[in-house]
Structure formats: C-alpha cells, structure tokens
Amino acid sequence: MSTKTQAGTAATGTGEQARPVARSGRNELGMIRIADGVVTKIAARAAAENPNAGAAAARMLGRAVPGASRLPGVRDTDLQGLPKTSVIVDGSKAYVTLELSVRWPASIPDVTRQVRSHVRDRVRELAGLEVDEVHITVADLALDVAPPPRVR
C-alpha cells in the first residue's frame, strides 16, 4: 500500500525508492487531461464502495416513479447500483455532485461523511485531481426488509 508524501511522491513503506504520483495538468512530459466522464465514473464507483450507499430511485416532480426501473436507462433504489453522479473538472480541481440512497437505519450524516471522504481520496489517487467540493443529495432510503405478503 502506498502513501502520499509532501513532495508529491508515493512511498511504499517498505524502504523502496519513492516514485512520483501522476498529476493532471502540465508536467515535464507534456499535458495530461482527464475527461469529465472518466472522473464521473471514478467518483460513482468510489461512492458505491460504501456498503450503506447506492443508487436512488428515479424521481419526477419530487416523487419516486413506481415501475420506472423497468424502462431502459432508469435507475431503481439499489445499494449495489451506481449513484447518479456529475463532475466538473477545472484544471487540476474537480467538483462532484452525487444523488444516492442510504441503507435504513444507517446514520445519514455518517454515511455521507464517509462517502465524501472516500470519493475525494479515490479521485485524488486514481486521477490526480483535488476534489474541492462533493455535493450529496440523499434522495431515498433503501430498506432491506421485504414487503409483507399480499393476502389473496
């Protein structure tokens, strides 16, 4: 496991020589630009790595749309799914917006704090971008409880 040091290098902790950490922007070899879509996928996957966070149901006019998950491209509340994510990359900085569901009865402030921290760390580690802001909207609570059987 590597750790970042002050000089912008990664040290493995095993006495190996430190190696430079890739950074977005201009470096001695030229220009590196990471597309917004790539950073969006990194941020979505990082958010989904939290077992208490996942995709939120599709909503229209503030209400969940029942049965919309059967339509192609429409999300359902799912802790295994990727949350709706958008990212704006400005030079070496990224601004992330997430819409997700949280597992009931997990603490929403705790889960969002963990997701925010993990997204910042993973985007920095994988894309070399500093994440200045992570805006999170909790749109749904995911219940693991199956609905009661219908009486016939």
N, C-alpha and C. Protein backbone atom coordinates (compact mmCIF):
# COMPACT_ATOMS: atom_id res chain seq x y z
N MET A 1 0.85 -1.18 0.00
CA MET A 1 0.00 0.00 0.00
C MET A 1 0.88 1.23 0.00
N SER A 2 0.60 2.18 -0.86
CA SER A 2 1.45 3.35 -0.93
C SER A 2 0.80 4.52 -0.21
N THR A 3 1.63 5.45 0.20
CA THR A 3 1.14 6.65 0.86
C THR A 3 1.74 7.85 0.15
N LYS A 4 1.02 8.96 0.18
CA LYS A 4 1.48 10.17 -0.48
C LYS A 4 2.34 10.96 0.51
N THR A 5 3.47 11.46 0.03
CA THR A 5 4.33 12.27 0.87
C THR A 5 4.22 13.72 0.44
N GLN A 6 4.84 14.62 1.17
CA GLN A 6 4.74 16.05 0.92
C GLN A 6 5.28 16.44 -0.45
N ALA A 7 6.28 15.75 -0.97
CA ALA A 7 6.93 16.14 -2.21
C ALA A 7 6.18 15.67 -3.44
N GLY A 8 4.97 15.09 -3.29
CA GLY A 8 4.21 14.63 -4.44
C GLY A 8 4.70 13.29 -4.95
N THR A 9 5.26 12.48 -4.05
CA THR A 9 5.73 11.16 -4.42
C THR A 9 5.01 10.13 -3.58
N ALA A 10 5.01 8.90 -4.03
CA ALA A 10 4.39 7.81 -3.28
C ALA A 10 5.49 6.93 -2.71
N ALA A 11 5.40 6.64 -1.43
CA ALA A 11 6.34 5.75 -0.78
C ALA A 11 5.60 4.49 -0.38
N THR A 12 6.21 3.35 -0.57
CA THR A 12 5.52 2.10 -0.29
C THR A 12 5.63 1.68 1.16
N GLY A 13 6.48 2.28 1.92
CA GLY A 13 6.62 1.92 3.32
C GLY A 13 7.52 0.71 3.51
N THR A 14 8.11 0.18 2.44
CA THR A 14 8.98 -0.99 2.54
C THR A 14 10.44 -0.62 2.28
N GLY A 15 10.75 0.68 2.30
CA GLY A 15 12.11 1.12 2.07
C GLY A 15 12.43 1.29 0.60
N GLU A 16 11.46 1.12 -0.29
CA GLU A 16 11.70 1.29 -1.71
C GLU A 16 11.84 2.76 -2.05
N GLN A 17 12.42 3.02 -3.22
CA GLN A 17 12.58 4.37 -3.71
C GLN A 17 11.21 5.00 -3.96
N ALA A 18 11.04 6.24 -3.56
CA ALA A 18 9.77 6.95 -3.79
C ALA A 18 9.61 7.21 -5.28
N ARG A 19 8.36 7.10 -5.78
CA ARG A 19 8.09 7.36 -7.18
C ARG A 19 7.09 8.51 -7.28
N PRO A 20 7.15 9.30 -8.36
CA PRO A 20 6.22 10.43 -8.49
C PRO A 20 4.77 9.97 -8.67
N VAL A 21 3.84 10.74 -8.12
CA VAL A 21 2.42 10.48 -8.26
C VAL A 21 1.94 11.24 -9.50
N ALA A 22 1.15 10.57 -10.36
CA ALA A 22 0.64 11.22 -11.56
C ALA A 22 -0.28 12.37 -11.18
N ARG A 23 -0.13 13.47 -11.85
CA ARG A 23 -0.96 14.64 -11.60
C ARG A 23 -1.54 15.11 -12.92
N SER A 24 -2.79 15.55 -12.86
CA SER A 24 -3.43 16.11 -14.04
C SER A 24 -2.83 17.49 -14.30
N GLY A 25 -2.76 17.88 -15.57
CA GLY A 25 -2.23 19.19 -15.93
C GLY A 25 -0.90 19.05 -16.62
N ARG A 26 -0.14 20.13 -16.68
CA ARG A 26 1.15 20.13 -17.38
C ARG A 26 2.24 19.57 -16.47
N ASN A 27 3.06 18.69 -17.05
CA ASN A 27 4.23 18.17 -16.33
C ASN A 27 5.41 18.14 -17.29
N GLU A 28 6.53 17.53 -16.91
CA GLU A 28 7.73 17.55 -17.73
C GLU A 28 7.57 16.79 -19.04
N LEU A 29 6.59 15.91 -19.16
CA LEU A 29 6.39 15.13 -20.38
C LEU A 29 5.35 15.75 -21.31
N GLY A 30 4.60 16.72 -20.85
CA GLY A 30 3.57 17.33 -21.67
C GLY A 30 2.32 17.61 -20.87
N MET A 31 1.18 17.56 -21.54
CA MET A 31 -0.10 17.89 -20.91
C MET A 31 -0.92 16.62 -20.69
N ILE A 32 -1.50 16.49 -19.50
CA ILE A 32 -2.40 15.39 -19.19
C ILE A 32 -3.77 16.00 -18.90
N ARG A 33 -4.78 15.53 -19.64
CA ARG A 33 -6.15 15.97 -19.37
C ARG A 33 -7.00 14.73 -19.18
N ILE A 34 -7.72 14.68 -18.09
CA ILE A 34 -8.61 13.56 -17.80
C ILE A 34 -10.03 14.04 -18.03
N ALA A 35 -10.74 13.35 -18.92
CA ALA A 35 -12.10 13.75 -19.30
C ALA A 35 -13.04 13.70 -18.11
N ASP A 36 -14.03 14.59 -18.13
CA ASP A 36 -15.02 14.65 -17.06
C ASP A 36 -15.73 13.31 -16.88
N GLY A 37 -15.99 12.60 -17.99
CA GLY A 37 -16.68 11.31 -17.92
C GLY A 37 -15.89 10.26 -17.17
N VAL A 38 -14.57 10.29 -17.30
CA VAL A 38 -13.71 9.34 -16.57
C VAL A 38 -13.77 9.63 -15.08
N VAL A 39 -13.68 10.90 -14.72
CA VAL A 39 -13.73 11.28 -13.31
C VAL A 39 -15.12 10.98 -12.74
N THR A 40 -16.16 11.14 -13.56
CA THR A 40 -17.51 10.82 -13.12
C THR A 40 -17.62 9.34 -12.76
N LYS A 41 -17.06 8.47 -13.59
CA LYS A 41 -17.10 7.03 -13.31
C LYS A 41 -16.30 6.69 -12.06
N ILE A 42 -15.15 7.32 -11.88
CA ILE A 42 -14.34 7.07 -10.68
C ILE A 42 -15.12 7.48 -9.44
N ALA A 43 -15.74 8.66 -9.47
CA ALA A 43 -16.49 9.16 -8.31
C ALA A 43 -17.70 8.27 -8.01
N ALA A 44 -18.42 7.82 -9.05
CA ALA A 44 -19.59 6.97 -8.85
C ALA A 44 -19.19 5.64 -8.24
N ARG A 45 -18.13 5.04 -8.77
CA ARG A 45 -17.66 3.75 -8.22
C ARG A 45 -17.18 3.92 -6.79
N ALA A 46 -16.49 5.01 -6.50
CA ALA A 46 -16.00 5.25 -5.15
C ALA A 46 -17.16 5.40 -4.17
N ALA A 47 -18.21 6.11 -4.58
CA ALA A 47 -19.38 6.27 -3.70
C ALA A 47 -20.06 4.93 -3.47
N ALA A 48 -20.11 4.08 -4.50
CA ALA A 48 -20.78 2.78 -4.38
C ALA A 48 -19.97 1.78 -3.56
N GLU A 49 -18.70 2.08 -3.29
CA GLU A 49 -17.88 1.19 -2.46
C GLU A 49 -18.31 1.20 -1.01
N ASN A 50 -19.12 2.18 -0.62
CA ASN A 50 -19.67 2.22 0.73
C ASN A 50 -20.88 1.28 0.77
N PRO A 51 -20.90 0.28 1.67
CA PRO A 51 -22.00 -0.67 1.70
C PRO A 51 -23.35 -0.07 2.09
N ASN A 52 -23.35 1.14 2.64
CA ASN A 52 -24.59 1.78 3.06
C ASN A 52 -25.09 2.84 2.08
N ALA A 53 -24.46 2.94 0.90
CA ALA A 53 -24.86 3.94 -0.09
C ALA A 53 -24.99 3.27 -1.45
N GLY A 54 -25.92 3.79 -2.26
CA GLY A 54 -26.11 3.24 -3.60
C GLY A 54 -26.99 4.13 -4.44
N ALA A 55 -27.50 3.57 -5.53
CA ALA A 55 -28.32 4.33 -6.47
C ALA A 55 -29.68 4.65 -5.87
N ALA A 56 -30.18 5.83 -6.19
CA ALA A 56 -31.51 6.25 -5.72
C ALA A 56 -32.52 6.09 -6.84
N ALA A 57 -33.76 5.89 -6.47
CA ALA A 57 -34.84 5.70 -7.45
C ALA A 57 -35.03 6.94 -8.31
N ALA A 58 -35.49 6.72 -9.52
CA ALA A 58 -35.81 7.83 -10.41
C ALA A 58 -36.96 8.64 -9.79
N ARG A 59 -36.89 9.97 -9.92
CA ARG A 59 -37.90 10.82 -9.33
C ARG A 59 -38.40 11.80 -10.38
N MET A 60 -39.69 12.14 -10.27
CA MET A 60 -40.27 13.15 -11.14
C MET A 60 -41.16 14.04 -10.28
N LEU A 61 -40.91 15.33 -10.32
CA LEU A 61 -41.65 16.30 -9.51
C LEU A 61 -41.58 15.95 -8.03
N GLY A 62 -40.41 15.48 -7.58
CA GLY A 62 -40.20 15.20 -6.17
C GLY A 62 -40.74 13.87 -5.68
N ARG A 63 -41.30 13.06 -6.56
CA ARG A 63 -41.86 11.77 -6.15
C ARG A 63 -41.17 10.64 -6.90
N ALA A 64 -40.97 9.52 -6.19
CA ALA A 64 -40.43 8.33 -6.85
C ALA A 64 -41.44 7.86 -7.89
N VAL A 65 -40.94 7.42 -9.03
CA VAL A 65 -41.82 6.97 -10.11
C VAL A 65 -41.91 5.45 -10.04
N PRO A 66 -43.07 4.88 -9.59
CA PRO A 66 -43.17 3.44 -9.47
C PRO A 66 -43.10 2.77 -10.84
N GLY A 67 -42.35 1.68 -10.91
CA GLY A 67 -42.24 0.91 -12.14
C GLY A 67 -41.29 1.51 -13.16
N ALA A 68 -40.72 2.68 -12.88
CA ALA A 68 -39.84 3.33 -13.85
C ALA A 68 -38.55 2.54 -14.06
N SER A 69 -38.18 1.70 -13.09
CA SER A 69 -36.93 0.95 -13.22
C SER A 69 -37.00 -0.07 -14.35
N ARG A 70 -38.21 -0.39 -14.83
CA ARG A 70 -38.34 -1.32 -15.95
C ARG A 70 -38.00 -0.66 -17.28
N LEU A 71 -38.01 0.67 -17.31
CA LEU A 71 -37.67 1.40 -18.53
C LEU A 71 -36.15 1.41 -18.71
N PRO A 72 -35.68 1.33 -19.96
CA PRO A 72 -34.24 1.33 -20.18
C PRO A 72 -33.59 2.62 -19.71
N GLY A 73 -32.47 2.48 -19.01
CA GLY A 73 -31.70 3.62 -18.55
C GLY A 73 -32.21 4.31 -17.31
N VAL A 74 -33.25 3.77 -16.66
CA VAL A 74 -33.81 4.40 -15.45
C VAL A 74 -33.35 3.61 -14.23
N ARG A 75 -32.86 4.33 -13.23
CA ARG A 75 -32.35 3.71 -12.02
C ARG A 75 -33.47 3.29 -11.09
N ASP A 76 -33.13 2.38 -10.18
CA ASP A 76 -34.02 1.97 -9.11
C ASP A 76 -33.23 2.13 -7.82
N THR A 77 -33.89 2.20 -6.68
CA THR A 77 -33.16 2.23 -5.41
C THR A 77 -32.46 0.90 -5.26
N ASP A 78 -31.14 0.95 -5.19
CA ASP A 78 -30.35 -0.27 -5.20
C ASP A 78 -29.00 0.04 -4.57
N LEU A 79 -28.68 -0.67 -3.50
CA LEU A 79 -27.40 -0.43 -2.83
C LEU A 79 -26.22 -1.01 -3.61
N GLN A 80 -26.48 -1.83 -4.63
CA GLN A 80 -25.41 -2.34 -5.46
C GLN A 80 -25.23 -1.49 -6.72
N GLY A 81 -26.17 -0.60 -7.01
CA GLY A 81 -26.10 0.24 -8.21
C GLY A 81 -25.26 1.48 -7.98
N LEU A 82 -24.86 2.10 -9.09
CA LEU A 82 -24.08 3.34 -9.02
C LEU A 82 -25.00 4.53 -8.85
N PRO A 83 -24.65 5.46 -7.96
CA PRO A 83 -25.49 6.66 -7.79
C PRO A 83 -25.37 7.59 -8.99
N LYS A 84 -26.37 8.42 -9.17
CA LYS A 84 -26.33 9.44 -10.21
C LYS A 84 -25.21 10.40 -9.84
N THR A 85 -24.30 10.63 -10.79
CA THR A 85 -23.09 11.39 -10.50
C THR A 85 -22.80 12.36 -11.63
N SER A 86 -22.40 13.56 -11.28
CA SER A 86 -21.89 14.51 -12.28
C SER A 86 -20.63 15.16 -11.72
N VAL A 87 -19.72 15.47 -12.63
CA VAL A 87 -18.43 16.04 -12.23
C VAL A 87 -18.08 17.18 -13.17
N ILE A 88 -17.55 18.24 -12.63
CA ILE A 88 -16.97 19.32 -13.42
C ILE A 88 -15.49 19.36 -13.08
N VAL A 89 -14.64 19.25 -14.10
CA VAL A 89 -13.19 19.32 -13.91
C VAL A 89 -12.73 20.68 -14.39
N ASP A 90 -12.01 21.39 -13.52
CA ASP A 90 -11.47 22.70 -13.85
C ASP A 90 -9.98 22.68 -13.55
N GLY A 91 -9.18 22.39 -14.57
CA GLY A 91 -7.73 22.29 -14.38
C GLY A 91 -7.40 21.08 -13.55
N SER A 92 -6.82 21.29 -12.38
CA SER A 92 -6.45 20.17 -11.51
C SER A 92 -7.44 19.99 -10.37
N LYS A 93 -8.61 20.63 -10.48
CA LYS A 93 -9.64 20.53 -9.44
C LYS A 93 -10.90 19.90 -10.01
N ALA A 94 -11.62 19.18 -9.15
CA ALA A 94 -12.87 18.56 -9.56
C ALA A 94 -13.96 18.93 -8.56
N TYR A 95 -15.18 19.07 -9.09
CA TYR A 95 -16.35 19.37 -8.28
C TYR A 95 -17.36 18.25 -8.56
N VAL A 96 -17.74 17.51 -7.53
CA VAL A 96 -18.55 16.30 -7.69
C VAL A 96 -19.94 16.51 -7.08
N THR A 97 -20.98 16.02 -7.79
CA THR A 97 -22.34 16.02 -7.29
C THR A 97 -22.87 14.60 -7.34
N LEU A 98 -23.38 14.09 -6.22
CA LEU A 98 -23.91 12.73 -6.11
C LEU A 98 -25.36 12.76 -5.65
N GLU A 99 -26.18 11.87 -6.22
CA GLU A 99 -27.53 11.65 -5.73
C GLU A 99 -27.60 10.17 -5.39
N LEU A 100 -27.82 9.86 -4.12
CA LEU A 100 -27.76 8.47 -3.71
C LEU A 100 -28.83 8.09 -2.71
N SER A 101 -28.90 6.80 -2.45
CA SER A 101 -29.78 6.29 -1.40
C SER A 101 -28.90 5.80 -0.26
N VAL A 102 -29.47 5.78 0.94
CA VAL A 102 -28.76 5.33 2.13
C VAL A 102 -29.54 4.18 2.74
N ARG A 103 -28.82 3.16 3.18
CA ARG A 103 -29.44 2.00 3.81
C ARG A 103 -30.08 2.41 5.14
N TRP A 104 -31.33 2.00 5.33
CA TRP A 104 -32.02 2.22 6.60
C TRP A 104 -31.56 1.17 7.58
N PRO A 105 -31.24 1.42 8.80
CA PRO A 105 -31.31 2.65 9.58
C PRO A 105 -29.95 3.30 9.78
N ALA A 106 -29.05 3.26 8.80
CA ALA A 106 -27.73 3.88 8.93
C ALA A 106 -27.86 5.39 9.12
N SER A 107 -26.90 5.96 9.81
CA SER A 107 -26.89 7.40 10.06
C SER A 107 -26.54 8.13 8.76
N ILE A 108 -27.44 8.97 8.29
CA ILE A 108 -27.22 9.70 7.04
C ILE A 108 -25.98 10.61 7.14
N PRO A 109 -25.80 11.39 8.23
CA PRO A 109 -24.59 12.22 8.31
C PRO A 109 -23.29 11.38 8.28
N ASP A 110 -23.29 10.22 8.95
CA ASP A 110 -22.10 9.37 8.96
C ASP A 110 -21.82 8.81 7.57
N VAL A 111 -22.85 8.30 6.90
CA VAL A 111 -22.67 7.71 5.57
C VAL A 111 -22.20 8.77 4.58
N THR A 112 -22.81 9.94 4.58
CA THR A 112 -22.41 10.98 3.63
C THR A 112 -20.99 11.48 3.92
N ARG A 113 -20.60 11.56 5.18
CA ARG A 113 -19.23 11.95 5.51
C ARG A 113 -18.23 10.92 4.99
N GLN A 114 -18.54 9.63 5.17
CA GLN A 114 -17.67 8.57 4.68
C GLN A 114 -17.58 8.58 3.16
N VAL A 115 -18.73 8.74 2.49
CA VAL A 115 -18.74 8.78 1.02
C VAL A 115 -17.94 9.97 0.52
N ARG A 116 -18.15 11.14 1.11
CA ARG A 116 -17.44 12.35 0.69
C ARG A 116 -15.92 12.16 0.82
N SER A 117 -15.49 11.64 1.93
CA SER A 117 -14.06 11.42 2.16
C SER A 117 -13.48 10.39 1.19
N HIS A 118 -14.22 9.30 0.98
CA HIS A 118 -13.73 8.23 0.10
C HIS A 118 -13.67 8.70 -1.36
N VAL A 119 -14.67 9.46 -1.80
CA VAL A 119 -14.66 9.98 -3.17
C VAL A 119 -13.47 10.90 -3.36
N ARG A 120 -13.21 11.78 -2.40
CA ARG A 120 -12.05 12.69 -2.50
C ARG A 120 -10.75 11.89 -2.61
N ASP A 121 -10.60 10.88 -1.75
CA ASP A 121 -9.37 10.08 -1.75
C ASP A 121 -9.19 9.32 -3.06
N ARG A 122 -10.26 8.66 -3.56
CA ARG A 122 -10.14 7.84 -4.76
C ARG A 122 -9.89 8.68 -6.01
N VAL A 123 -10.55 9.85 -6.12
CA VAL A 123 -10.31 10.70 -7.28
C VAL A 123 -8.88 11.24 -7.24
N ARG A 124 -8.38 11.61 -6.07
CA ARG A 124 -7.01 12.08 -5.94
C ARG A 124 -6.03 10.96 -6.30
N GLU A 125 -6.30 9.76 -5.82
CA GLU A 125 -5.41 8.62 -6.05
C GLU A 125 -5.41 8.17 -7.51
N LEU A 126 -6.59 8.07 -8.13
CA LEU A 126 -6.69 7.50 -9.47
C LEU A 126 -6.56 8.52 -10.59
N ALA A 127 -6.97 9.76 -10.36
CA ALA A 127 -6.95 10.76 -11.43
C ALA A 127 -5.96 11.90 -11.15
N GLY A 128 -5.45 11.98 -9.94
CA GLY A 128 -4.52 13.05 -9.62
C GLY A 128 -5.18 14.41 -9.50
N LEU A 129 -6.48 14.44 -9.27
CA LEU A 129 -7.22 15.69 -9.14
C LEU A 129 -7.59 15.94 -7.68
N GLU A 130 -7.56 17.19 -7.28
CA GLU A 130 -8.04 17.56 -5.95
C GLU A 130 -9.54 17.83 -6.06
N VAL A 131 -10.31 17.24 -5.17
CA VAL A 131 -11.76 17.43 -5.17
C VAL A 131 -12.07 18.53 -4.15
N ASP A 132 -12.46 19.69 -4.66
CA ASP A 132 -12.76 20.82 -3.77
C ASP A 132 -14.11 20.67 -3.10
N GLU A 133 -15.11 20.18 -3.85
CA GLU A 133 -16.46 20.08 -3.29
C GLU A 133 -17.09 18.76 -3.70
N VAL A 134 -17.80 18.14 -2.74
CA VAL A 134 -18.62 16.97 -3.02
C VAL A 134 -20.01 17.28 -2.49
N HIS A 135 -20.94 17.55 -3.41
CA HIS A 135 -22.32 17.84 -3.03
C HIS A 135 -23.09 16.53 -3.08
N ILE A 136 -23.77 16.19 -1.99
CA ILE A 136 -24.50 14.93 -1.90
C ILE A 136 -25.97 15.21 -1.61
N THR A 137 -26.84 14.60 -2.42
CA THR A 137 -28.28 14.63 -2.17
C THR A 137 -28.71 13.22 -1.83
N VAL A 138 -29.30 13.04 -0.65
CA VAL A 138 -29.85 11.73 -0.28
C VAL A 138 -31.30 11.76 -0.72
N ALA A 139 -31.59 10.99 -1.79
CA ALA A 139 -32.92 11.04 -2.39
C ALA A 139 -33.83 9.92 -1.92
N ASP A 140 -33.26 8.91 -1.24
CA ASP A 140 -34.09 7.77 -0.85
C ASP A 140 -33.42 7.00 0.27
N LEU A 141 -34.22 6.26 1.02
CA LEU A 141 -33.72 5.30 2.00
C LEU A 141 -33.97 3.91 1.45
N ALA A 142 -32.95 3.07 1.46
CA ALA A 142 -33.08 1.71 0.95
C ALA A 142 -33.42 0.79 2.11
N LEU A 143 -34.54 0.13 1.99
CA LEU A 143 -34.97 -0.80 3.01
C LEU A 143 -34.62 -2.22 2.59
N ASP A 144 -33.98 -2.96 3.49
CA ASP A 144 -33.65 -4.36 3.21
C ASP A 144 -34.81 -5.28 3.54
N VAL A 145 -35.86 -4.71 4.12
CA VAL A 145 -37.00 -5.51 4.55
C VAL A 145 -37.89 -5.79 3.34
N ALA A 146 -38.18 -7.05 3.11
CA ALA A 146 -39.08 -7.43 2.01
C ALA A 146 -40.50 -6.99 2.37
N PRO A 147 -41.31 -6.59 1.38
CA PRO A 147 -42.68 -6.20 1.69
C PRO A 147 -43.48 -7.40 2.19
N PRO A 148 -44.48 -7.16 3.04
CA PRO A 148 -45.26 -8.28 3.56
C PRO A 148 -46.03 -8.97 2.42
N PRO A 149 -46.31 -10.26 2.57
CA PRO A 149 -47.03 -10.97 1.50
C PRO A 149 -48.45 -10.42 1.37
N ARG A 150 -48.95 -10.44 0.15
CA ARG A 150 -50.31 -9.96 -0.11
C ARG A 150 -51.32 -11.03 0.28
N VAL A 151 -52.40 -10.59 0.84
CA VAL A 151 -53.49 -11.51 1.19
C VAL A 151 -54.36 -11.68 -0.04
N ARG A 152 -54.66 -12.94 -0.36
CA ARG A 152 -55.48 -13.20 -1.56
C ARG A 152 -56.86 -13.62 -1.19
